[in-house]
Every structure is written in structure tokens, then in C-alpha cells.
Amino acid sequence: MMLIILIGLAVGAAYVCRDTPLFIPAVIVAICSFWSNGVMSNFRRTHEVPRLATAVSLICFVLTLIFGVTGLIIS
């Protein structure tokens, strides 16, 4: 469930930034979030999640918060 929330936040941040110059980076972050959380969900039962997917997911979450707040301030 948490993975779906993280993907939804990234897509929501891209939507908030739709009329700003941050739209393209926000879409890239949303795509990376979708990829990394998809990889993490495939390893849900084994507890051996790849470190790259975990790092990308964490970075995407931080960038999602930054883009979302900045998009709300700009628009």
C-alpha cells in the first residue's frame, strides 16, 4: 500500500507542476518512482530488495516533496 501512495504522490506533484518549468523533471521523477517501487514490490516476500531501487525510491520521495511544494508556490 505504501508503494502505491509513493507513486501517487509523484504523479500528484507532476500534476501540480503542469504549467511550470518543473513539469518535465517532475514527470521524470514520477517515472523513476514508478520503476523503483515496482522493483521493490517484486521483492516483497524475499527481503532482499536491490539497493539501487531503494535509493531511487528515497530520492524520488524527497524530490516529489520539493517539486510539489515548489509547484504550489509558483502556480
N, C-alpha and C. Protein backbone atom coordinates (compact mmCIF):
# COMPACT_ATOMS: atom_id res chain seq x y z
N MET A 1 0.82 -1.19 0.00
CA MET A 1 0.00 0.00 0.00
C MET A 1 0.86 1.26 0.00
N MET A 2 1.95 1.22 0.74
CA MET A 2 2.83 2.38 0.81
C MET A 2 3.45 2.70 -0.55
N LEU A 3 3.74 1.66 -1.33
CA LEU A 3 4.32 1.89 -2.65
C LEU A 3 3.34 2.61 -3.56
N ILE A 4 2.08 2.29 -3.46
CA ILE A 4 1.07 2.97 -4.27
C ILE A 4 0.95 4.43 -3.84
N ILE A 5 1.05 4.70 -2.57
CA ILE A 5 1.00 6.08 -2.09
C ILE A 5 2.19 6.88 -2.60
N LEU A 6 3.39 6.28 -2.60
CA LEU A 6 4.57 6.98 -3.09
C LEU A 6 4.45 7.30 -4.58
N ILE A 7 3.94 6.36 -5.36
CA ILE A 7 3.74 6.61 -6.79
C ILE A 7 2.68 7.68 -6.99
N GLY A 8 1.61 7.63 -6.22
CA GLY A 8 0.56 8.64 -6.32
C GLY A 8 1.04 10.03 -5.96
N LEU A 9 1.91 10.13 -4.96
CA LEU A 9 2.48 11.43 -4.61
C LEU A 9 3.32 11.99 -5.75
N ALA A 10 4.10 11.14 -6.40
CA ALA A 10 4.94 11.60 -7.51
C ALA A 10 4.08 12.05 -8.69
N VAL A 11 3.03 11.32 -8.99
CA VAL A 11 2.13 11.72 -10.08
C VAL A 11 1.40 13.01 -9.70
N GLY A 12 1.00 13.14 -8.45
CA GLY A 12 0.35 14.37 -7.99
C GLY A 12 1.27 15.57 -8.08
N ALA A 13 2.54 15.40 -7.76
CA ALA A 13 3.49 16.50 -7.87
C ALA A 13 3.68 16.91 -9.33
N ALA A 14 3.69 15.93 -10.24
CA ALA A 14 3.79 16.25 -11.66
C ALA A 14 2.55 17.01 -12.12
N TYR A 15 1.39 16.65 -11.61
CA TYR A 15 0.16 17.35 -11.96
C TYR A 15 0.17 18.79 -11.44
N VAL A 16 0.67 18.98 -10.24
CA VAL A 16 0.74 20.33 -9.66
C VAL A 16 1.69 21.21 -10.48
N CYS A 17 2.74 20.62 -11.02
CA CYS A 17 3.75 21.37 -11.78
C CYS A 17 3.41 21.47 -13.26
N ARG A 18 2.20 21.17 -13.68
CA ARG A 18 1.87 21.05 -15.10
C ARG A 18 2.06 22.34 -15.88
N ASP A 19 1.92 23.50 -15.29
CA ASP A 19 2.06 24.77 -16.01
C ASP A 19 3.34 25.50 -15.64
N THR A 20 4.30 24.81 -15.09
CA THR A 20 5.55 25.43 -14.65
C THR A 20 6.72 24.78 -15.39
N PRO A 21 7.89 25.40 -15.31
CA PRO A 21 9.08 24.79 -15.92
C PRO A 21 9.52 23.50 -15.22
N LEU A 22 8.95 23.19 -14.07
CA LEU A 22 9.32 21.98 -13.34
C LEU A 22 8.56 20.74 -13.81
N PHE A 23 7.72 20.89 -14.85
CA PHE A 23 6.88 19.77 -15.27
C PHE A 23 7.71 18.59 -15.77
N ILE A 24 8.67 18.83 -16.64
CA ILE A 24 9.47 17.74 -17.20
C ILE A 24 10.26 17.01 -16.11
N PRO A 25 10.99 17.73 -15.22
CA PRO A 25 11.66 17.00 -14.13
C PRO A 25 10.70 16.25 -13.22
N ALA A 26 9.52 16.81 -12.98
CA ALA A 26 8.54 16.13 -12.13
C ALA A 26 8.02 14.86 -12.79
N VAL A 27 7.85 14.88 -14.11
CA VAL A 27 7.43 13.67 -14.82
C VAL A 27 8.53 12.61 -14.77
N ILE A 28 9.79 13.04 -14.92
CA ILE A 28 10.91 12.10 -14.82
C ILE A 28 10.96 11.47 -13.44
N VAL A 29 10.74 12.26 -12.40
CA VAL A 29 10.71 11.72 -11.03
C VAL A 29 9.56 10.75 -10.86
N ALA A 30 8.40 11.05 -11.46
CA ALA A 30 7.26 10.14 -11.35
C ALA A 30 7.55 8.81 -12.05
N ILE A 31 8.21 8.85 -13.20
CA ILE A 31 8.57 7.62 -13.91
C ILE A 31 9.58 6.81 -13.09
N CYS A 32 10.57 7.48 -12.53
CA CYS A 32 11.57 6.79 -11.71
C CYS A 32 10.93 6.20 -10.46
N SER A 33 9.98 6.91 -9.88
CA SER A 33 9.28 6.40 -8.71
C SER A 33 8.47 5.15 -9.06
N PHE A 34 7.81 5.19 -10.20
CA PHE A 34 7.04 4.03 -10.65
C PHE A 34 7.97 2.83 -10.86
N TRP A 35 9.13 3.05 -11.49
CA TRP A 35 10.08 1.95 -11.72
C TRP A 35 10.60 1.38 -10.40
N SER A 36 11.11 2.27 -9.53
CA SER A 36 11.75 1.79 -8.31
C SER A 36 10.77 1.10 -7.38
N ASN A 37 9.57 1.64 -7.27
CA ASN A 37 8.59 1.00 -6.39
C ASN A 37 8.05 -0.29 -7.00
N GLY A 38 8.03 -0.38 -8.34
CA GLY A 38 7.67 -1.64 -8.99
C GLY A 38 8.70 -2.72 -8.72
N VAL A 39 9.98 -2.34 -8.79
CA VAL A 39 11.04 -3.30 -8.48
C VAL A 39 10.95 -3.74 -7.02
N MET A 40 10.72 -2.79 -6.13
CA MET A 40 10.63 -3.13 -4.71
C MET A 40 9.44 -4.04 -4.43
N SER A 41 8.34 -3.86 -5.14
CA SER A 41 7.18 -4.72 -4.90
C SER A 41 7.42 -6.14 -5.39
N ASN A 42 8.30 -6.31 -6.39
CA ASN A 42 8.62 -7.66 -6.86
C ASN A 42 9.43 -8.44 -5.82
N PHE A 43 10.13 -7.75 -4.95
CA PHE A 43 10.96 -8.40 -3.93
C PHE A 43 10.30 -8.34 -2.55
N ARG A 44 9.01 -8.18 -2.50
CA ARG A 44 8.30 -8.00 -1.24
C ARG A 44 8.45 -9.20 -0.30
N ARG A 45 8.46 -10.39 -0.83
CA ARG A 45 8.48 -11.59 0.02
C ARG A 45 9.89 -12.09 0.36
N THR A 46 10.91 -11.60 -0.34
CA THR A 46 12.25 -12.16 -0.14
C THR A 46 13.11 -11.33 0.80
N HIS A 47 12.76 -10.10 1.09
CA HIS A 47 13.51 -9.20 1.96
C HIS A 47 14.92 -8.91 1.44
N GLU A 48 15.16 -9.13 0.16
CA GLU A 48 16.44 -8.81 -0.45
C GLU A 48 16.22 -7.79 -1.57
N VAL A 49 15.72 -6.64 -1.21
CA VAL A 49 15.42 -5.60 -2.19
C VAL A 49 16.72 -5.00 -2.70
N PRO A 50 16.84 -4.79 -4.02
CA PRO A 50 18.06 -4.17 -4.55
C PRO A 50 18.26 -2.77 -3.98
N ARG A 51 19.49 -2.46 -3.65
CA ARG A 51 19.80 -1.18 -3.03
C ARG A 51 19.55 -0.01 -3.97
N LEU A 52 19.78 -0.21 -5.27
CA LEU A 52 19.55 0.87 -6.23
C LEU A 52 18.09 1.28 -6.25
N ALA A 53 17.19 0.32 -6.24
CA ALA A 53 15.76 0.62 -6.25
C ALA A 53 15.35 1.34 -4.97
N THR A 54 15.92 0.94 -3.85
CA THR A 54 15.61 1.61 -2.58
C THR A 54 16.12 3.04 -2.57
N ALA A 55 17.33 3.24 -3.08
CA ALA A 55 17.90 4.59 -3.11
C ALA A 55 17.11 5.49 -4.06
N VAL A 56 16.74 4.96 -5.23
CA VAL A 56 15.97 5.76 -6.18
C VAL A 56 14.61 6.11 -5.59
N SER A 57 13.99 5.18 -4.89
CA SER A 57 12.69 5.45 -4.27
C SER A 57 12.80 6.56 -3.22
N LEU A 58 13.84 6.51 -2.42
CA LEU A 58 14.02 7.54 -1.39
C LEU A 58 14.29 8.90 -2.02
N ILE A 59 15.15 8.94 -3.03
CA ILE A 59 15.46 10.21 -3.71
C ILE A 59 14.21 10.75 -4.41
N CYS A 60 13.43 9.86 -5.01
CA CYS A 60 12.20 10.30 -5.68
C CYS A 60 11.20 10.87 -4.68
N PHE A 61 11.13 10.29 -3.49
CA PHE A 61 10.21 10.81 -2.47
C PHE A 61 10.60 12.22 -2.06
N VAL A 62 11.89 12.45 -1.84
CA VAL A 62 12.36 13.78 -1.45
C VAL A 62 12.11 14.78 -2.58
N LEU A 63 12.44 14.39 -3.82
CA LEU A 63 12.22 15.29 -4.96
C LEU A 63 10.73 15.54 -5.19
N THR A 64 9.90 14.55 -4.93
CA THR A 64 8.45 14.73 -5.06
C THR A 64 7.96 15.80 -4.10
N LEU A 65 8.43 15.75 -2.86
CA LEU A 65 8.02 16.78 -1.90
C LEU A 65 8.50 18.16 -2.34
N ILE A 66 9.74 18.24 -2.82
CA ILE A 66 10.28 19.53 -3.26
C ILE A 66 9.50 20.07 -4.45
N PHE A 67 9.28 19.22 -5.47
CA PHE A 67 8.55 19.67 -6.65
C PHE A 67 7.10 20.01 -6.33
N GLY A 68 6.47 19.24 -5.46
CA GLY A 68 5.09 19.52 -5.11
C GLY A 68 4.92 20.85 -4.40
N VAL A 69 5.77 21.12 -3.43
CA VAL A 69 5.68 22.39 -2.69
C VAL A 69 6.06 23.55 -3.60
N THR A 70 7.13 23.39 -4.38
CA THR A 70 7.56 24.46 -5.28
C THR A 70 6.50 24.72 -6.35
N GLY A 71 5.89 23.68 -6.87
CA GLY A 71 4.82 23.85 -7.86
C GLY A 71 3.61 24.58 -7.30
N LEU A 72 3.29 24.29 -6.04
CA LEU A 72 2.18 25.01 -5.41
C LEU A 72 2.53 26.48 -5.18
N ILE A 73 3.77 26.76 -4.84
CA ILE A 73 4.19 28.15 -4.61
C ILE A 73 4.21 28.93 -5.93
N ILE A 74 4.73 28.32 -6.99
CA ILE A 74 4.85 29.01 -8.27
C ILE A 74 3.49 29.27 -8.89
N SER A 75 2.61 28.27 -8.85
CA SER A 75 1.31 28.43 -9.54
C SER A 75 0.26 29.01 -8.67
